All heavy atoms as atom14 arrays in JSON, in Angstrom:
{
  "sequence": "PGGSLRLSCAASGSIFSIYAMGWYRQAPGKQRELVAAITRGGTTNYA",
  "atom14_mask": [
    [1, 1, 1, 1, 1, 1, 1, 0, 0, 0, 0, 0, 0, 0],
    [1, 1, 1, 1, 0, 0, 0, 0, 0, 0, 0, 0, 0, 0],
    [1, 1, 1, 1, 0, 0, 0, 0, 0, 0, 0, 0, 0, 0],
    [1, 1, 1, 1, 1, 1, 0, 0, 0, 0, 0, 0, 0, 0],
    [1, 1, 1, 1, 1, 1, 1, 1, 0, 0, 0, 0, 0, 0],
    [1, 1, 1, 1, 1, 1, 1, 1, 1, 1, 1, 0, 0, 0],
    [1, 1, 1, 1, 1, 1, 1, 1, 0, 0, 0, 0, 0, 0],
    [1, 1, 1, 1, 1, 1, 0, 0, 0, 0, 0, 0, 0, 0],
    [1, 1, 1, 1, 1, 1, 0, 0, 0, 0, 0, 0, 0, 0],
    [1, 1, 1, 1, 1, 0, 0, 0, 0, 0, 0, 0, 0, 0],
    [1, 1, 1, 1, 1, 0, 0, 0, 0, 0, 0, 0, 0, 0],
    [1, 1, 1, 1, 1, 1, 0, 0, 0, 0, 0, 0, 0, 0],
    [1, 1, 1, 1, 0, 0, 0, 0, 0, 0, 0, 0, 0, 0],
    [1, 1, 1, 1, 1, 1, 0, 0, 0, 0, 0, 0, 0, 0],
    [1, 1, 1, 1, 1, 1, 1, 1, 0, 0, 0, 0, 0, 0],
    [1, 1, 1, 1, 1, 1, 1, 1, 1, 1, 1, 0, 0, 0],
    [1, 1, 1, 1, 1, 1, 0, 0, 0, 0, 0, 0, 0, 0],
    [1, 1, 1, 1, 1, 1, 1, 1, 0, 0, 0, 0, 0, 0],
    [1, 1, 1, 1, 1, 1, 1, 1, 1, 1, 1, 1, 0, 0],
    [1, 1, 1, 1, 1, 0, 0, 0, 0, 0, 0, 0, 0, 0],
    [1, 1, 1, 1, 1, 1, 1, 1, 0, 0, 0, 0, 0, 0],
    [1, 1, 1, 1, 0, 0, 0, 0, 0, 0, 0, 0, 0, 0],
    [1, 1, 1, 1, 1, 1, 1, 1, 1, 1, 1, 1, 1, 1],
    [1, 1, 1, 1, 1, 1, 1, 1, 1, 1, 1, 1, 0, 0],
    [1, 1, 1, 1, 1, 1, 1, 1, 1, 1, 1, 0, 0, 0],
    [1, 1, 1, 1, 1, 1, 1, 1, 1, 0, 0, 0, 0, 0],
    [1, 1, 1, 1, 1, 0, 0, 0, 0, 0, 0, 0, 0, 0],
    [1, 1, 1, 1, 1, 1, 1, 0, 0, 0, 0, 0, 0, 0],
    [1, 1, 1, 1, 0, 0, 0, 0, 0, 0, 0, 0, 0, 0],
    [1, 1, 1, 1, 1, 1, 1, 1, 1, 0, 0, 0, 0, 0],
    [1, 1, 1, 1, 1, 1, 1, 1, 1, 0, 0, 0, 0, 0],
    [1, 1, 1, 1, 1, 1, 1, 1, 1, 1, 1, 0, 0, 0],
    [1, 1, 1, 1, 1, 1, 1, 1, 1, 0, 0, 0, 0, 0],
    [1, 1, 1, 1, 1, 1, 1, 1, 0, 0, 0, 0, 0, 0],
    [1, 1, 1, 1, 1, 1, 1, 0, 0, 0, 0, 0, 0, 0],
    [1, 1, 1, 1, 1, 0, 0, 0, 0, 0, 0, 0, 0, 0],
    [1, 1, 1, 1, 1, 0, 0, 0, 0, 0, 0, 0, 0, 0],
    [1, 1, 1, 1, 1, 1, 1, 1, 0, 0, 0, 0, 0, 0],
    [1, 1, 1, 1, 1, 1, 1, 0, 0, 0, 0, 0, 0, 0],
    [1, 1, 1, 1, 1, 1, 1, 1, 1, 1, 1, 0, 0, 0],
    [1, 1, 1, 1, 0, 0, 0, 0, 0, 0, 0, 0, 0, 0],
    [1, 1, 1, 1, 0, 0, 0, 0, 0, 0, 0, 0, 0, 0],
    [1, 1, 1, 1, 1, 1, 1, 0, 0, 0, 0, 0, 0, 0],
    [1, 1, 1, 1, 1, 1, 1, 0, 0, 0, 0, 0, 0, 0],
    [1, 1, 1, 1, 1, 1, 1, 1, 0, 0, 0, 0, 0, 0],
    [1, 1, 1, 1, 1, 1, 1, 1, 1, 1, 1, 1, 0, 0],
    [1, 1, 1, 1, 1, 0, 0, 0, 0, 0, 0, 0, 0, 0]
  ],
  "atom14_positions": [
    [[62.67, 104.9, 133.99], [63.7, 104.17, 134.74], [64.34, 103.09, 133.88], [63.66, 102.39, 133.13], [62.91, 103.56, 135.9], [61.76, 104.48, 136.09], [61.39, 104.94, 134.71], [0.0, 0.0, 0.0], [0.0, 0.0, 0.0], [0.0, 0.0, 0.0], [0.0, 0.0, 0.0], [0.0, 0.0, 0.0], [0.0, 0.0, 0.0], [0.0, 0.0, 0.0]],
    [[65.66, 102.98, 133.99], [66.41, 102.04, 133.17], [66.87, 102.61, 131.84], [67.67, 101.97, 131.15], [0.0, 0.0, 0.0], [0.0, 0.0, 0.0], [0.0, 0.0, 0.0], [0.0, 0.0, 0.0], [0.0, 0.0, 0.0], [0.0, 0.0, 0.0], [0.0, 0.0, 0.0], [0.0, 0.0, 0.0], [0.0, 0.0, 0.0], [0.0, 0.0, 0.0]],
    [[66.39, 103.79, 131.5], [66.76, 104.42, 130.25], [68.08, 105.14, 130.32], [68.79, 105.1, 131.33], [0.0, 0.0, 0.0], [0.0, 0.0, 0.0], [0.0, 0.0, 0.0], [0.0, 0.0, 0.0], [0.0, 0.0, 0.0], [0.0, 0.0, 0.0], [0.0, 0.0, 0.0], [0.0, 0.0, 0.0], [0.0, 0.0, 0.0], [0.0, 0.0, 0.0]],
    [[68.42, 105.82, 129.22], [69.7, 106.51, 129.11], [69.54, 107.93, 128.59], [68.6, 108.23, 127.85], [70.64, 105.75, 128.16], [70.92, 104.45, 128.64], [0.0, 0.0, 0.0], [0.0, 0.0, 0.0], [0.0, 0.0, 0.0], [0.0, 0.0, 0.0], [0.0, 0.0, 0.0], [0.0, 0.0, 0.0], [0.0, 0.0, 0.0], [0.0, 0.0, 0.0]],
    [[70.46, 108.78, 128.98], [70.56, 110.14, 128.47], [72.03, 110.49, 128.33], [72.87, 109.96, 129.06], [69.89, 111.15, 129.4], [68.36, 111.24, 129.41], [67.91, 112.19, 130.51], [67.83, 111.7, 128.07], [0.0, 0.0, 0.0], [0.0, 0.0, 0.0], [0.0, 0.0, 0.0], [0.0, 0.0, 0.0], [0.0, 0.0, 0.0], [0.0, 0.0, 0.0]],
    [[72.32, 111.4, 127.42], [73.68, 111.89, 127.23], [73.68, 113.41, 127.32], [73.08, 114.08, 126.48], [74.24, 111.44, 125.88], [75.7, 111.84, 125.61], [76.19, 111.2, 124.32], [77.58, 111.48, 124.01], [78.0, 112.4, 123.14], [77.11, 113.13, 122.47], [79.29, 112.57, 122.92], [0.0, 0.0, 0.0], [0.0, 0.0, 0.0], [0.0, 0.0, 0.0]],
    [[74.35, 113.93, 128.33], [74.44, 115.37, 128.52], [75.72, 115.9, 127.88], [76.75, 115.23, 127.87], [74.45, 115.72, 130.01], [73.29, 115.2, 130.86], [73.44, 115.71, 132.3], [71.96, 115.6, 130.27], [0.0, 0.0, 0.0], [0.0, 0.0, 0.0], [0.0, 0.0, 0.0], [0.0, 0.0, 0.0], [0.0, 0.0, 0.0], [0.0, 0.0, 0.0]],
    [[75.64, 117.12, 127.36], [76.79, 117.77, 126.75], [76.99, 119.14, 127.39], [76.03, 119.81, 127.75], [76.6, 117.95, 125.24], [76.47, 116.7, 124.6], [0.0, 0.0, 0.0], [0.0, 0.0, 0.0], [0.0, 0.0, 0.0], [0.0, 0.0, 0.0], [0.0, 0.0, 0.0], [0.0, 0.0, 0.0], [0.0, 0.0, 0.0], [0.0, 0.0, 0.0]],
    [[78.24, 119.55, 127.5], [78.59, 120.85, 128.04], [79.71, 121.45, 127.21], [80.79, 120.85, 127.13], [79.01, 120.74, 129.51], [79.67, 122.27, 130.21], [0.0, 0.0, 0.0], [0.0, 0.0, 0.0], [0.0, 0.0, 0.0], [0.0, 0.0, 0.0], [0.0, 0.0, 0.0], [0.0, 0.0, 0.0], [0.0, 0.0, 0.0], [0.0, 0.0, 0.0]],
    [[79.46, 122.6, 126.63], [80.45, 123.28, 125.8], [80.92, 124.57, 126.47], [80.09, 125.39, 126.87], [79.89, 123.58, 124.42], [0.0, 0.0, 0.0], [0.0, 0.0, 0.0], [0.0, 0.0, 0.0], [0.0, 0.0, 0.0], [0.0, 0.0, 0.0], [0.0, 0.0, 0.0], [0.0, 0.0, 0.0], [0.0, 0.0, 0.0], [0.0, 0.0, 0.0]],
    [[82.22, 124.72, 126.59], [82.82, 125.92, 127.16], [83.42, 126.77, 126.05], [84.11, 126.26, 125.17], [83.89, 125.56, 128.18], [0.0, 0.0, 0.0], [0.0, 0.0, 0.0], [0.0, 0.0, 0.0], [0.0, 0.0, 0.0], [0.0, 0.0, 0.0], [0.0, 0.0, 0.0], [0.0, 0.0, 0.0], [0.0, 0.0, 0.0], [0.0, 0.0, 0.0]],
    [[83.17, 128.07, 126.1], [83.7, 128.97, 125.09], [83.87, 130.37, 125.68], [83.49, 130.62, 126.81], [82.78, 129.03, 123.86], [81.5, 129.52, 124.2], [0.0, 0.0, 0.0], [0.0, 0.0, 0.0], [0.0, 0.0, 0.0], [0.0, 0.0, 0.0], [0.0, 0.0, 0.0], [0.0, 0.0, 0.0], [0.0, 0.0, 0.0], [0.0, 0.0, 0.0]],
    [[84.46, 131.27, 124.89], [84.65, 132.64, 125.33], [86.08, 132.91, 125.77], [87.02, 132.32, 125.25], [0.0, 0.0, 0.0], [0.0, 0.0, 0.0], [0.0, 0.0, 0.0], [0.0, 0.0, 0.0], [0.0, 0.0, 0.0], [0.0, 0.0, 0.0], [0.0, 0.0, 0.0], [0.0, 0.0, 0.0], [0.0, 0.0, 0.0], [0.0, 0.0, 0.0]],
    [[86.22, 133.79, 126.73], [87.53, 134.26, 127.19], [88.16, 133.29, 128.18], [88.36, 133.61, 129.35], [87.41, 135.65, 127.8], [86.87, 136.58, 126.87], [0.0, 0.0, 0.0], [0.0, 0.0, 0.0], [0.0, 0.0, 0.0], [0.0, 0.0, 0.0], [0.0, 0.0, 0.0], [0.0, 0.0, 0.0], [0.0, 0.0, 0.0], [0.0, 0.0, 0.0]],
    [[88.48, 132.11, 127.69], [89.11, 131.07, 128.51], [90.56, 130.9, 128.07], [90.83, 130.64, 126.9], [88.36, 129.74, 128.41], [86.93, 129.89, 128.94], [89.11, 128.66, 129.18], [86.09, 128.65, 128.78], [0.0, 0.0, 0.0], [0.0, 0.0, 0.0], [0.0, 0.0, 0.0], [0.0, 0.0, 0.0], [0.0, 0.0, 0.0], [0.0, 0.0, 0.0]],
    [[91.47, 131.03, 129.02], [92.88, 130.84, 128.73], [93.29, 129.38, 128.88], [93.97, 128.83, 128.02], [93.75, 131.74, 129.63], [95.22, 131.62, 129.36], [95.79, 132.24, 128.27], [96.04, 130.88, 130.21], [97.15, 132.15, 128.01], [97.4, 130.77, 129.96], [97.96, 131.41, 128.86], [0.0, 0.0, 0.0], [0.0, 0.0, 0.0], [0.0, 0.0, 0.0]],
    [[92.87, 128.78, 129.98], [93.23, 127.39, 130.24], [92.16, 126.74, 131.11], [91.7, 127.33, 132.08], [94.59, 127.3, 130.92], [94.98, 125.96, 131.14], [0.0, 0.0, 0.0], [0.0, 0.0, 0.0], [0.0, 0.0, 0.0], [0.0, 0.0, 0.0], [0.0, 0.0, 0.0], [0.0, 0.0, 0.0], [0.0, 0.0, 0.0], [0.0, 0.0, 0.0]],
    [[91.77, 125.52, 130.75], [90.81, 124.75, 131.52], [91.55, 123.7, 132.34], [92.34, 122.93, 131.79], [89.77, 124.07, 130.61], [88.92, 125.12, 129.91], [88.88, 123.12, 131.42], [87.94, 124.55, 128.91], [0.0, 0.0, 0.0], [0.0, 0.0, 0.0], [0.0, 0.0, 0.0], [0.0, 0.0, 0.0], [0.0, 0.0, 0.0], [0.0, 0.0, 0.0]],
    [[91.28, 123.66, 133.63], [91.94, 122.71, 134.52], [91.06, 121.49, 134.81], [91.59, 120.4, 135.03], [92.35, 123.39, 135.82], [93.51, 124.32, 135.64], [93.34, 125.63, 135.18], [94.81, 123.89, 135.9], [94.42, 126.47, 134.99], [95.89, 124.73, 135.71], [95.7, 126.02, 135.26], [96.77, 126.86, 135.07], [0.0, 0.0, 0.0], [0.0, 0.0, 0.0]],
    [[89.76, 121.68, 134.81], [88.86, 120.58, 135.07], [87.46, 120.93, 134.59], [87.08, 122.1, 134.54], [88.83, 120.22, 136.55], [0.0, 0.0, 0.0], [0.0, 0.0, 0.0], [0.0, 0.0, 0.0], [0.0, 0.0, 0.0], [0.0, 0.0, 0.0], [0.0, 0.0, 0.0], [0.0, 0.0, 0.0], [0.0, 0.0, 0.0], [0.0, 0.0, 0.0]],
    [[86.7, 119.9, 134.25], [85.3, 120.06, 133.88], [84.52, 118.96, 134.57], [85.03, 117.86, 134.76], [85.1, 119.99, 132.37], [85.88, 121.03, 131.59], [85.59, 120.95, 129.79], [83.94, 121.66, 129.68], [0.0, 0.0, 0.0], [0.0, 0.0, 0.0], [0.0, 0.0, 0.0], [0.0, 0.0, 0.0], [0.0, 0.0, 0.0], [0.0, 0.0, 0.0]],
    [[83.3, 119.27, 134.95], [82.52, 118.26, 135.63], [81.04, 118.55, 135.65], [80.57, 119.57, 135.15], [0.0, 0.0, 0.0], [0.0, 0.0, 0.0], [0.0, 0.0, 0.0], [0.0, 0.0, 0.0], [0.0, 0.0, 0.0], [0.0, 0.0, 0.0], [0.0, 0.0, 0.0], [0.0, 0.0, 0.0], [0.0, 0.0, 0.0], [0.0, 0.0, 0.0]],
    [[80.33, 117.6, 136.23], [78.88, 117.69, 136.36], [78.48, 117.59, 137.82], [78.96, 116.73, 138.56], [78.19, 116.56, 135.58], [78.31, 116.7, 134.1], [79.25, 116.14, 133.29], [77.46, 117.47, 133.25], [79.04, 116.51, 131.98], [77.94, 117.32, 131.93], [76.33, 118.26, 133.46], [77.34, 117.93, 130.83], [75.73, 118.87, 132.38], [76.24, 118.7, 131.08]],
    [[77.59, 118.49, 138.22], [76.98, 118.48, 139.54], [75.47, 118.37, 139.36], [74.95, 118.65, 138.28], [77.31, 119.76, 140.31], [78.75, 119.87, 140.76], [79.77, 120.09, 139.86], [79.08, 119.76, 142.11], [81.09, 120.2, 140.28], [80.39, 119.88, 142.55], [81.39, 120.1, 141.62], [82.69, 120.22, 142.04], [0.0, 0.0, 0.0], [0.0, 0.0, 0.0]],
    [[74.78, 117.96, 140.41], [73.33, 117.92, 140.34], [72.73, 118.39, 141.66], [73.36, 118.28, 142.71], [72.82, 116.52, 139.99], [73.07, 115.46, 141.05], [72.65, 114.09, 140.53], [72.85, 113.04, 141.52], [72.71, 111.75, 141.27], [72.35, 111.33, 140.05], [72.91, 110.85, 142.24], [0.0, 0.0, 0.0], [0.0, 0.0, 0.0], [0.0, 0.0, 0.0]],
    [[71.53, 118.91, 141.58], [70.83, 119.38, 142.76], [69.36, 119.02, 142.67], [68.66, 119.41, 141.74], [70.99, 120.9, 142.92], [70.44, 121.44, 144.22], [70.87, 122.87, 144.47], [71.2, 123.6, 143.55], [70.85, 123.27, 145.73], [0.0, 0.0, 0.0], [0.0, 0.0, 0.0], [0.0, 0.0, 0.0], [0.0, 0.0, 0.0], [0.0, 0.0, 0.0]],
    [[68.91, 118.25, 143.65], [67.51, 117.87, 143.75], [66.82, 118.81, 144.74], [67.49, 119.41, 145.6], [67.38, 116.42, 144.21], [0.0, 0.0, 0.0], [0.0, 0.0, 0.0], [0.0, 0.0, 0.0], [0.0, 0.0, 0.0], [0.0, 0.0, 0.0], [0.0, 0.0, 0.0], [0.0, 0.0, 0.0], [0.0, 0.0, 0.0], [0.0, 0.0, 0.0]],
    [[65.5, 118.96, 144.66], [64.79, 119.83, 145.59], [65.06, 119.49, 147.05], [64.99, 118.32, 147.44], [63.32, 119.6, 145.23], [63.35, 119.19, 143.8], [64.6, 118.36, 143.66], [0.0, 0.0, 0.0], [0.0, 0.0, 0.0], [0.0, 0.0, 0.0], [0.0, 0.0, 0.0], [0.0, 0.0, 0.0], [0.0, 0.0, 0.0], [0.0, 0.0, 0.0]],
    [[65.4, 120.5, 147.85], [65.65, 120.3, 149.26], [67.0, 119.72, 149.61], [67.27, 119.46, 150.78], [0.0, 0.0, 0.0], [0.0, 0.0, 0.0], [0.0, 0.0, 0.0], [0.0, 0.0, 0.0], [0.0, 0.0, 0.0], [0.0, 0.0, 0.0], [0.0, 0.0, 0.0], [0.0, 0.0, 0.0], [0.0, 0.0, 0.0], [0.0, 0.0, 0.0]],
    [[67.85, 119.52, 148.62], [69.17, 118.95, 148.85], [70.26, 119.87, 148.34], [70.02, 120.73, 147.49], [69.29, 117.57, 148.19], [68.35, 116.52, 148.75], [68.61, 115.16, 148.13], [67.72, 114.1, 148.72], [67.98, 112.76, 148.12], [0.0, 0.0, 0.0], [0.0, 0.0, 0.0], [0.0, 0.0, 0.0], [0.0, 0.0, 0.0], [0.0, 0.0, 0.0]],
    [[71.47, 119.67, 148.86], [72.61, 120.44, 148.41], [73.11, 119.94, 147.07], [72.91, 118.79, 146.7], [73.75, 120.37, 149.43], [73.55, 121.22, 150.67], [74.81, 121.36, 151.47], [75.39, 120.36, 151.91], [75.27, 122.59, 151.65], [0.0, 0.0, 0.0], [0.0, 0.0, 0.0], [0.0, 0.0, 0.0], [0.0, 0.0, 0.0], [0.0, 0.0, 0.0]],
    [[73.76, 120.82, 146.34], [74.37, 120.44, 145.09], [75.52, 119.47, 145.37], [76.33, 119.69, 146.27], [74.88, 121.68, 144.36], [75.38, 121.42, 142.95], [75.71, 122.73, 142.24], [74.55, 123.59, 142.11], [74.55, 124.76, 141.48], [75.66, 125.21, 140.91], [73.44, 125.48, 141.43], [0.0, 0.0, 0.0], [0.0, 0.0, 0.0], [0.0, 0.0, 0.0]],
    [[75.58, 118.39, 144.59], [76.6, 117.38, 144.8], [77.34, 117.07, 143.51], [76.79, 117.19, 142.41], [75.98, 116.08, 145.35], [75.01, 115.41, 144.39], [74.55, 114.05, 144.86], [75.13, 113.51, 145.82], [73.58, 113.51, 144.27], [0.0, 0.0, 0.0], [0.0, 0.0, 0.0], [0.0, 0.0, 0.0], [0.0, 0.0, 0.0], [0.0, 0.0, 0.0]],
    [[78.59, 116.67, 143.67], [79.39, 116.27, 142.52], [78.91, 114.94, 141.98], [78.71, 113.99, 142.73], [80.87, 116.16, 142.92], [81.81, 115.61, 141.84], [81.96, 116.61, 140.7], [83.18, 115.28, 142.44], [0.0, 0.0, 0.0], [0.0, 0.0, 0.0], [0.0, 0.0, 0.0], [0.0, 0.0, 0.0], [0.0, 0.0, 0.0], [0.0, 0.0, 0.0]],
    [[78.72, 114.88, 140.68], [78.34, 113.64, 140.0], [79.57, 113.0, 139.37], [79.87, 111.82, 139.6], [77.27, 113.88, 138.93], [76.93, 112.58, 138.2], [76.02, 114.48, 139.56], [0.0, 0.0, 0.0], [0.0, 0.0, 0.0], [0.0, 0.0, 0.0], [0.0, 0.0, 0.0], [0.0, 0.0, 0.0], [0.0, 0.0, 0.0], [0.0, 0.0, 0.0]],
    [[80.29, 113.76, 138.57], [81.49, 113.27, 137.9], [82.33, 114.45, 137.45], [81.8, 115.52, 137.14], [81.12, 112.39, 136.69], [0.0, 0.0, 0.0], [0.0, 0.0, 0.0], [0.0, 0.0, 0.0], [0.0, 0.0, 0.0], [0.0, 0.0, 0.0], [0.0, 0.0, 0.0], [0.0, 0.0, 0.0], [0.0, 0.0, 0.0], [0.0, 0.0, 0.0]],
    [[83.64, 114.25, 137.41], [84.55, 115.3, 136.98], [85.75, 114.69, 136.28], [86.1, 113.53, 136.51], [85.0, 116.15, 138.16], [0.0, 0.0, 0.0], [0.0, 0.0, 0.0], [0.0, 0.0, 0.0], [0.0, 0.0, 0.0], [0.0, 0.0, 0.0], [0.0, 0.0, 0.0], [0.0, 0.0, 0.0], [0.0, 0.0, 0.0], [0.0, 0.0, 0.0]],
    [[86.38, 115.49, 135.43], [87.59, 115.06, 134.74], [88.57, 116.22, 134.74], [88.22, 117.36, 134.44], [87.28, 114.57, 133.31], [88.54, 114.02, 132.65], [86.63, 115.66, 132.47], [88.24, 113.23, 131.37], [0.0, 0.0, 0.0], [0.0, 0.0, 0.0], [0.0, 0.0, 0.0], [0.0, 0.0, 0.0], [0.0, 0.0, 0.0], [0.0, 0.0, 0.0]],
    [[89.83, 115.94, 135.1], [90.85, 116.97, 135.16], [91.55, 117.12, 133.82], [91.34, 116.33, 132.89], [91.9, 116.64, 136.23], [92.67, 115.51, 135.81], [91.24, 116.34, 137.57], [0.0, 0.0, 0.0], [0.0, 0.0, 0.0], [0.0, 0.0, 0.0], [0.0, 0.0, 0.0], [0.0, 0.0, 0.0], [0.0, 0.0, 0.0], [0.0, 0.0, 0.0]],
    [[92.4, 118.13, 133.71], [93.16, 118.36, 132.49], [94.01, 117.15, 132.14], [94.2, 116.85, 130.95], [94.03, 119.61, 132.65], [94.85, 119.95, 131.42], [95.43, 121.35, 131.51], [96.28, 121.52, 132.67], [96.88, 122.64, 133.0], [96.72, 123.73, 132.23], [97.63, 122.72, 134.09], [0.0, 0.0, 0.0], [0.0, 0.0, 0.0], [0.0, 0.0, 0.0]],
    [[94.51, 116.45, 133.14], [95.32, 115.27, 132.9], [94.54, 114.01, 132.62], [95.14, 112.96, 132.34], [0.0, 0.0, 0.0], [0.0, 0.0, 0.0], [0.0, 0.0, 0.0], [0.0, 0.0, 0.0], [0.0, 0.0, 0.0], [0.0, 0.0, 0.0], [0.0, 0.0, 0.0], [0.0, 0.0, 0.0], [0.0, 0.0, 0.0], [0.0, 0.0, 0.0]],
    [[93.22, 114.07, 132.69], [92.39, 112.92, 132.37], [91.92, 112.11, 133.56], [91.24, 111.1, 133.37], [0.0, 0.0, 0.0], [0.0, 0.0, 0.0], [0.0, 0.0, 0.0], [0.0, 0.0, 0.0], [0.0, 0.0, 0.0], [0.0, 0.0, 0.0], [0.0, 0.0, 0.0], [0.0, 0.0, 0.0], [0.0, 0.0, 0.0], [0.0, 0.0, 0.0]],
    [[92.26, 112.52, 134.76], [91.8, 111.82, 135.95], [90.31, 112.05, 136.14], [89.83, 113.18, 136.04], [92.55, 112.31, 137.19], [93.96, 112.08, 137.01], [92.09, 111.56, 138.43], [0.0, 0.0, 0.0], [0.0, 0.0, 0.0], [0.0, 0.0, 0.0], [0.0, 0.0, 0.0], [0.0, 0.0, 0.0], [0.0, 0.0, 0.0], [0.0, 0.0, 0.0]],
    [[89.58, 110.99, 136.41], [88.13, 111.08, 136.61], [87.76, 110.8, 138.05], [88.46, 110.1, 138.78], [87.38, 110.12, 135.69], [87.82, 108.77, 135.92], [87.61, 110.46, 134.23], [0.0, 0.0, 0.0], [0.0, 0.0, 0.0], [0.0, 0.0, 0.0], [0.0, 0.0, 0.0], [0.0, 0.0, 0.0], [0.0, 0.0, 0.0], [0.0, 0.0, 0.0]],
    [[86.62, 111.35, 138.45], [86.1, 111.16, 139.79], [84.59, 111.04, 139.7], [83.95, 111.86, 139.03], [86.5, 112.33, 140.69], [86.11, 112.12, 142.14], [86.05, 111.0, 142.61], [85.87, 113.21, 142.85], [0.0, 0.0, 0.0], [0.0, 0.0, 0.0], [0.0, 0.0, 0.0], [0.0, 0.0, 0.0], [0.0, 0.0, 0.0], [0.0, 0.0, 0.0]],
    [[84.02, 110.03, 140.37], [82.58, 109.79, 140.33], [82.01, 109.69, 141.73], [82.65, 109.18, 142.65], [82.26, 108.49, 139.6], [82.62, 108.46, 138.14], [83.86, 107.98, 137.72], [81.72, 108.89, 137.17], [84.19, 107.94, 136.38], [82.05, 108.86, 135.83], [83.28, 108.38, 135.44], [83.6, 108.34, 134.11], [0.0, 0.0, 0.0], [0.0, 0.0, 0.0]],
    [[80.78, 110.14, 141.87], [80.04, 109.87, 143.09], [79.77, 108.37, 143.19], [79.54, 107.71, 142.17], [78.73, 110.64, 143.1], [0.0, 0.0, 0.0], [0.0, 0.0, 0.0], [0.0, 0.0, 0.0], [0.0, 0.0, 0.0], [0.0, 0.0, 0.0], [0.0, 0.0, 0.0], [0.0, 0.0, 0.0], [0.0, 0.0, 0.0], [0.0, 0.0, 0.0]]
  ]
}
């Protein structure tokens, strides 16, 4: 607790255009929820 981590996500393959990328998380017994996202234009959204 109180520590830090840095997650990375790389997209590759047959992708023509990316509109948004983001992170979701799911804990046991709970639904998957949005953590953070960023659109092609740079708009961000956080839980």
